[in-house]
Amino acid sequence: MFLKNRLPEYRKKYNLSQDKLAEMLEVSRQTIISIEKGKYNPSLPLAIKIARIFNAAVEEIFLLDE
């Protein structure tokens, strides 16, 4: 089961590049790309960090694709 996500939308809203977001999260740009494409589900701690950066709930960014 994968998560759909609104990460690109939030990144653009906050004017953050994939590189900058990766730097802030201490992950690679490839990780951000994989999350955005739905090829990789972030760990819970990483999802929480992402949500905090955007001042949003995890559920607002990541949606369960059932």
PDB file of N, CA and C in Angstrom:
ATOM      1  N   MET A   1       0.845  -1.190   0.000  1.00  0.00           N
ATOM      2  CA  MET A   1       0.000   0.000   0.000  1.00  0.00           C
ATOM      3  C   MET A   1       0.888   1.251   0.000  1.00  0.00           C
ATOM      4  N   PHE A   2       0.566   2.155  -0.874  1.00  0.00           N
ATOM      5  CA  PHE A   2       1.345   3.381  -0.963  1.00  0.00           C
ATOM      6  C   PHE A   2       0.517   4.586  -0.563  1.00  0.00           C
ATOM      7  N   LEU A   3       1.217   5.610  -0.257  1.00  0.00           N
ATOM      8  CA  LEU A   3       0.582   6.868   0.100  1.00  0.00           C
ATOM      9  C   LEU A   3       0.564   7.792  -1.101  1.00  0.00           C
ATOM     10  N   LYS A   4      -0.551   8.436  -1.330  1.00  0.00           N
ATOM     11  CA  LYS A   4      -0.556   9.549  -2.267  1.00  0.00           C
ATOM     12  C   LYS A   4      -0.058  10.732  -1.459  1.00  0.00           C
ATOM     13  N   ASN A   5       0.499  11.711  -2.122  1.00  0.00           N
ATOM     14  CA  ASN A   5       0.969  12.858  -1.348  1.00  0.00           C
ATOM     15  C   ASN A   5       0.792  14.156  -2.103  1.00  0.00           C
ATOM     16  N   ARG A   6       0.789  15.199  -1.339  1.00  0.00           N
ATOM     17  CA  ARG A   6       0.649  16.551  -1.876  1.00  0.00           C
ATOM     18  C   ARG A   6       1.964  17.325  -1.686  1.00  0.00           C
ATOM     19  N   LEU A   7       3.045  16.592  -1.580  1.00  0.00           N
ATOM     20  CA  LEU A   7       4.345  17.209  -1.324  1.00  0.00           C
ATOM     21  C   LEU A   7       4.740  18.243  -2.376  1.00  0.00           C
ATOM     22  N   PRO A   8       4.599  17.957  -3.678  1.00  0.00           N
ATOM     23  CA  PRO A   8       4.972  18.987  -4.667  1.00  0.00           C
ATOM     24  C   PRO A   8       4.168  20.276  -4.483  1.00  0.00           C
ATOM     25  N   GLU A   9       2.902  20.122  -4.186  1.00  0.00           N
ATOM     26  CA  GLU A   9       2.020  21.279  -3.973  1.00  0.00           C
ATOM     27  C   GLU A   9       2.503  22.127  -2.785  1.00  0.00           C
ATOM     28  N   TYR A  10       2.830  21.459  -1.699  1.00  0.00           N
ATOM     29  CA  TYR A  10       3.316  22.189  -0.515  1.00  0.00           C
ATOM     30  C   TYR A  10       4.681  22.814  -0.774  1.00  0.00           C
ATOM     31  N   ARG A  11       5.550  22.091  -1.483  1.00  0.00           N
ATOM     32  CA  ARG A  11       6.873  22.639  -1.798  1.00  0.00           C
ATOM     33  C   ARG A  11       6.745  23.926  -2.596  1.00  0.00           C
ATOM     34  N   LYS A  12       5.875  23.916  -3.592  1.00  0.00           N
ATOM     35  CA  LYS A  12       5.697  25.101  -4.433  1.00  0.00           C
ATOM     36  C   LYS A  12       5.076  26.245  -3.635  1.00  0.00           C
ATOM     37  N   LYS A  13       4.121  25.909  -2.783  1.00  0.00           N
ATOM     38  CA  LYS A  13       3.469  26.924  -1.950  1.00  0.00           C
ATOM     39  C   LYS A  13       4.503  27.642  -1.067  1.00  0.00           C
ATOM     40  N   TYR A  14       5.480  26.880  -0.570  1.00  0.00           N
ATOM     41  CA  TYR A  14       6.511  27.448   0.303  1.00  0.00           C
ATOM     42  C   TYR A  14       7.772  27.842  -0.465  1.00  0.00           C
ATOM     43  N   ASN A  15       7.715  27.725  -1.788  1.00  0.00           N
ATOM     44  CA  ASN A  15       8.831  28.104  -2.653  1.00  0.00           C
ATOM     45  C   ASN A  15      10.124  27.370  -2.287  1.00  0.00           C
ATOM     46  N   LEU A  16      10.006  26.056  -2.107  1.00  0.00           N
ATOM     47  CA  LEU A  16      11.168  25.238  -1.776  1.00  0.00           C
ATOM     48  C   LEU A  16      11.504  24.310  -2.941  1.00  0.00           C
ATOM     49  N   SER A  17      12.755  24.253  -3.297  1.00  0.00           N
ATOM     50  CA  SER A  17      13.201  23.302  -4.309  1.00  0.00           C
ATOM     51  C   SER A  17      13.319  21.919  -3.664  1.00  0.00           C
ATOM     52  N   GLN A  18      13.409  20.905  -4.499  1.00  0.00           N
ATOM     53  CA  GLN A  18      13.638  19.555  -3.969  1.00  0.00           C
ATOM     54  C   GLN A  18      14.960  19.512  -3.210  1.00  0.00           C
ATOM     55  N   ASP A  19      15.960  20.181  -3.740  1.00  0.00           N
ATOM     56  CA  ASP A  19      17.271  20.223  -3.080  1.00  0.00           C
ATOM     57  C   ASP A  19      17.187  20.849  -1.695  1.00  0.00           C
ATOM     58  N   LYS A  20      16.512  21.985  -1.607  1.00  0.00           N
ATOM     59  CA  LYS A  20      16.416  22.702  -0.332  1.00  0.00           C
ATOM     60  C   LYS A  20      15.639  21.881   0.691  1.00  0.00           C
ATOM     61  N   LEU A  21      14.529  21.280   0.273  1.00  0.00           N
ATOM     62  CA  LEU A  21      13.751  20.457   1.197  1.00  0.00           C
ATOM     63  C   LEU A  21      14.576  19.264   1.666  1.00  0.00           C
ATOM     64  N   ALA A  22      15.287  18.629   0.752  1.00  0.00           N
ATOM     65  CA  ALA A  22      16.145  17.490   1.109  1.00  0.00           C
ATOM     66  C   ALA A  22      17.195  17.913   2.139  1.00  0.00           C
ATOM     67  N   GLU A  23      17.787  19.075   1.923  1.00  0.00           N
ATOM     68  CA  GLU A  23      18.789  19.602   2.853  1.00  0.00           C
ATOM     69  C   GLU A  23      18.176  19.823   4.239  1.00  0.00           C
ATOM     70  N   MET A  24      16.990  20.415   4.276  1.00  0.00           N
ATOM     71  CA  MET A  24      16.315  20.682   5.550  1.00  0.00           C
ATOM     72  C   MET A  24      15.978  19.389   6.304  1.00  0.00           C
ATOM     73  N   LEU A  25      15.692  18.328   5.551  1.00  0.00           N
ATOM     74  CA  LEU A  25      15.298  17.052   6.153  1.00  0.00           C
ATOM     75  C   LEU A  25      16.483  16.106   6.354  1.00  0.00           C
ATOM     76  N   GLU A  26      17.645  16.524   5.862  1.00  0.00           N
ATOM     77  CA  GLU A  26      18.861  15.711   5.943  1.00  0.00           C
ATOM     78  C   GLU A  26      18.687  14.373   5.227  1.00  0.00           C
ATOM     79  N   VAL A  27      18.093  14.442   4.025  1.00  0.00           N
ATOM     80  CA  VAL A  27      17.966  13.281   3.149  1.00  0.00           C
ATOM     81  C   VAL A  27      18.463  13.695   1.769  1.00  0.00           C
ATOM     82  N   SER A  28      18.538  12.742   0.855  1.00  0.00           N
ATOM     83  CA  SER A  28      18.993  13.070  -0.497  1.00  0.00           C
ATOM     84  C   SER A  28      17.841  13.637  -1.327  1.00  0.00           C
ATOM     85  N   ARG A  29      18.205  14.347  -2.376  1.00  0.00           N
ATOM     86  CA  ARG A  29      17.201  14.865  -3.303  1.00  0.00           C
ATOM     87  C   ARG A  29      16.441  13.695  -3.924  1.00  0.00           C
ATOM     88  N   GLN A  30      17.145  12.585  -4.165  1.00  0.00           N
ATOM     89  CA  GLN A  30      16.520  11.396  -4.741  1.00  0.00           C
ATOM     90  C   GLN A  30      15.400  10.875  -3.838  1.00  0.00           C
ATOM     91  N   THR A  31      15.566  10.994  -2.538  1.00  0.00           N
ATOM     92  CA  THR A  31      14.518  10.582  -1.600  1.00  0.00           C
ATOM     93  C   THR A  31      13.270  11.424  -1.802  1.00  0.00           C
ATOM     94  N   ILE A  32      13.460  12.727  -1.939  1.00  0.00           N
ATOM     95  CA  ILE A  32      12.317  13.638  -2.159  1.00  0.00           C
ATOM     96  C   ILE A  32      11.626  13.295  -3.482  1.00  0.00           C
ATOM     97  N   ILE A  33      12.412  13.070  -4.525  1.00  0.00           N
ATOM     98  CA  ILE A  33      11.859  12.714  -5.832  1.00  0.00           C
ATOM     99  C   ILE A  33      11.040  11.424  -5.718  1.00  0.00           C
ATOM    100  N   SER A  34      11.584  10.429  -5.046  1.00  0.00           N
ATOM    101  CA  SER A  34      10.900   9.144  -4.901  1.00  0.00           C
ATOM    102  C   SER A  34       9.603   9.267  -4.108  1.00  0.00           C
ATOM    103  N   ILE A  35       9.618  10.087  -3.065  1.00  0.00           N
ATOM    104  CA  ILE A  35       8.399  10.313  -2.285  1.00  0.00           C
ATOM    105  C   ILE A  35       7.348  10.993  -3.161  1.00  0.00           C
ATOM    106  N   GLU A  36       7.768  12.036  -3.873  1.00  0.00           N
ATOM    107  CA  GLU A  36       6.827  12.790  -4.708  1.00  0.00           C
ATOM    108  C   GLU A  36       6.222  11.918  -5.813  1.00  0.00           C
ATOM    109  N   LYS A  37       6.998  10.996  -6.352  1.00  0.00           N
ATOM    110  CA  LYS A  37       6.503  10.124  -7.419  1.00  0.00           C
ATOM    111  C   LYS A  37       5.703   8.935  -6.876  1.00  0.00           C
ATOM    112  N   GLY A  38       5.653   8.805  -5.550  1.00  0.00           N
ATOM    113  CA  GLY A  38       4.914   7.704  -4.947  1.00  0.00           C
ATOM    114  C   GLY A  38       5.652   6.379  -4.990  1.00  0.00           C
ATOM    115  N   LYS A  39       6.956   6.433  -5.224  1.00  0.00           N
ATOM    116  CA  LYS A  39       7.753   5.208  -5.290  1.00  0.00           C
ATOM    117  C   LYS A  39       8.336   4.823  -3.934  1.00  0.00           C
ATOM    118  N   TYR A  40       8.235   5.728  -2.981  1.00  0.00           N
ATOM    119  CA  TYR A  40       8.813   5.490  -1.661  1.00  0.00           C
ATOM    120  C   TYR A  40       7.900   6.113  -0.611  1.00  0.00           C
ATOM    121  N   ASN A  41       7.555   5.305   0.390  1.00  0.00           N
ATOM    122  CA  ASN A  41       6.791   5.823   1.524  1.00  0.00           C
ATOM    123  C   ASN A  41       7.777   6.272   2.595  1.00  0.00           C
ATOM    124  N   PRO A  42       7.665   7.508   3.051  1.00  0.00           N
ATOM    125  CA  PRO A  42       8.581   7.968   4.090  1.00  0.00           C
ATOM    126  C   PRO A  42       8.292   7.262   5.407  1.00  0.00           C
ATOM    127  N   SER A  43       9.320   7.146   6.224  1.00  0.00           N
ATOM    128  CA  SER A  43       9.123   6.616   7.571  1.00  0.00           C
ATOM    129  C   SER A  43       8.237   7.599   8.333  1.00  0.00           C
ATOM    130  N   LEU A  44       7.647   7.143   9.411  1.00  0.00           N
ATOM    131  CA  LEU A  44       6.801   8.030  10.207  1.00  0.00           C
ATOM    132  C   LEU A  44       7.582   9.236  10.715  1.00  0.00           C
ATOM    133  N   PRO A  45       8.798   9.050  11.264  1.00  0.00           N
ATOM    134  CA  PRO A  45       9.548  10.240  11.701  1.00  0.00           C
ATOM    135  C   PRO A  45       9.808  11.235  10.563  1.00  0.00           C
ATOM    136  N   LEU A  46      10.111  10.737   9.360  1.00  0.00           N
ATOM    137  CA  LEU A  46      10.349  11.631   8.226  1.00  0.00           C
ATOM    138  C   LEU A  46       9.055  12.332   7.815  1.00  0.00           C
ATOM    139  N   ALA A  47       7.944  11.614   7.800  1.00  0.00           N
ATOM    140  CA  ALA A  47       6.654  12.229   7.456  1.00  0.00           C
ATOM    141  C   ALA A  47       6.305  13.331   8.455  1.00  0.00           C
ATOM    142  N   ILE A  48       6.597  13.105   9.721  1.00  0.00           N
ATOM    143  CA  ILE A  48       6.326  14.123  10.751  1.00  0.00           C
ATOM    144  C   ILE A  48       7.217  15.345  10.533  1.00  0.00           C
ATOM    145  N   LYS A  49       8.488  15.125  10.217  1.00  0.00           N
ATOM    146  CA  LYS A  49       9.397  16.248   9.945  1.00  0.00           C
ATOM    147  C   LYS A  49       8.900  17.073   8.761  1.00  0.00           C
ATOM    148  N   ILE A  50       8.448  16.373   7.714  1.00  0.00           N
ATOM    149  CA  ILE A  50       7.932  17.062   6.531  1.00  0.00           C
ATOM    150  C   ILE A  50       6.726  17.907   6.912  1.00  0.00           C
ATOM    151  N   ALA A  51       5.814  17.318   7.652  1.00  0.00           N
ATOM    152  CA  ALA A  51       4.606  18.039   8.065  1.00  0.00           C
ATOM    153  C   ALA A  51       4.955  19.269   8.896  1.00  0.00           C
ATOM    154  N   ARG A  52       5.917  19.147   9.785  1.00  0.00           N
ATOM    155  CA  ARG A  52       6.316  20.294  10.629  1.00  0.00           C
ATOM    156  C   ARG A  52       6.889  21.434   9.795  1.00  0.00           C
ATOM    157  N   ILE A  53       7.664  21.098   8.777  1.00  0.00           N
ATOM    158  CA  ILE A  53       8.238  22.132   7.911  1.00  0.00           C
ATOM    159  C   ILE A  53       7.124  22.961   7.278  1.00  0.00           C
ATOM    160  N   PHE A  54       6.036  22.287   6.890  1.00  0.00           N
ATOM    161  CA  PHE A  54       4.940  22.969   6.211  1.00  0.00           C
ATOM    162  C   PHE A  54       3.813  23.380   7.168  1.00  0.00           C
ATOM    163  N   ASN A  55       4.064  23.221   8.464  1.00  0.00           N
ATOM    164  CA  ASN A  55       3.072  23.604   9.468  1.00  0.00           C
ATOM    165  C   ASN A  55       1.702  22.983   9.161  1.00  0.00           C
ATOM    166  N   ALA A  56       1.740  21.687   8.860  1.00  0.00           N
ATOM    167  CA  ALA A  56       0.527  20.964   8.478  1.00  0.00           C
ATOM    168  C   ALA A  56       0.486  19.626   9.204  1.00  0.00           C
ATOM    169  N   ALA A  57      -0.687  19.028   9.223  1.00  0.00           N
ATOM    170  CA  ALA A  57      -0.822  17.680   9.773  1.00  0.00           C
ATOM    171  C   ALA A  57      -0.304  16.678   8.735  1.00  0.00           C
ATOM    172  N   VAL A  58       0.244  15.578   9.216  1.00  0.00           N
ATOM    173  CA  VAL A  58       0.746  14.540   8.320  1.00  0.00           C
ATOM    174  C   VAL A  58      -0.352  14.128   7.333  1.00  0.00           C
ATOM    175  N   GLU A  59      -1.592  14.011   7.825  1.00  0.00           N
ATOM    176  CA  GLU A  59      -2.715  13.566   6.986  1.00  0.00           C
ATOM    177  C   GLU A  59      -3.073  14.574   5.899  1.00  0.00           C
ATOM    178  N   GLU A  60      -2.653  15.822   6.044  1.00  0.00           N
ATOM    179  CA  GLU A  60      -2.923  16.818   5.015  1.00  0.00           C
ATOM    180  C   GLU A  60      -1.983  16.646   3.824  1.00  0.00           C
ATOM    181  N   ILE A  61      -0.813  16.119   4.090  1.00  0.00           N
ATOM    182  CA  ILE A  61       0.204  15.950   3.042  1.00  0.00           C
ATOM    183  C   ILE A  61       0.180  14.537   2.455  1.00  0.00           C
ATOM    184  N   PHE A  62       0.019  13.554   3.327  1.00  0.00           N
ATOM    185  CA  PHE A  62       0.048  12.148   2.901  1.00  0.00           C
ATOM    186  C   PHE A  62      -1.333  11.532   3.032  1.00  0.00           C
ATOM    187  N   LEU A  63      -1.820  10.962   1.923  1.00  0.00           N
ATOM    188  CA  LEU A  63      -3.153  10.394   1.862  1.00  0.00           C
ATOM    189  C   LEU A  63      -3.051   8.899   1.558  1.00  0.00           C
ATOM    190  N   LEU A  64      -3.707   8.086   2.333  1.00  0.00           N
ATOM    191  CA  LEU A  64      -3.676   6.645   2.138  1.00  0.00           C
ATOM    192  C   LEU A  64      -4.405   6.280   0.850  1.00  0.00           C
ATOM    193  N   ASP A  65      -3.734   5.547  -0.022  1.00  0.00           N
ATOM    194  CA  ASP A  65      -4.307   5.124  -1.293  1.00  0.00           C
ATOM    195  C   ASP A  65      -4.814   3.694  -1.134  1.00  0.00           C
ATOM    196  N   GLU A  66      -6.101   3.558  -0.815  1.00  0.00           N
ATOM    197  CA  GLU A  66      -6.651   2.218  -0.542  1.00  0.00           C
ATOM    198  C   GLU A  66      -7.255   1.593  -1.780  1.00  0.00           C
TER     199      GLU A  66
END
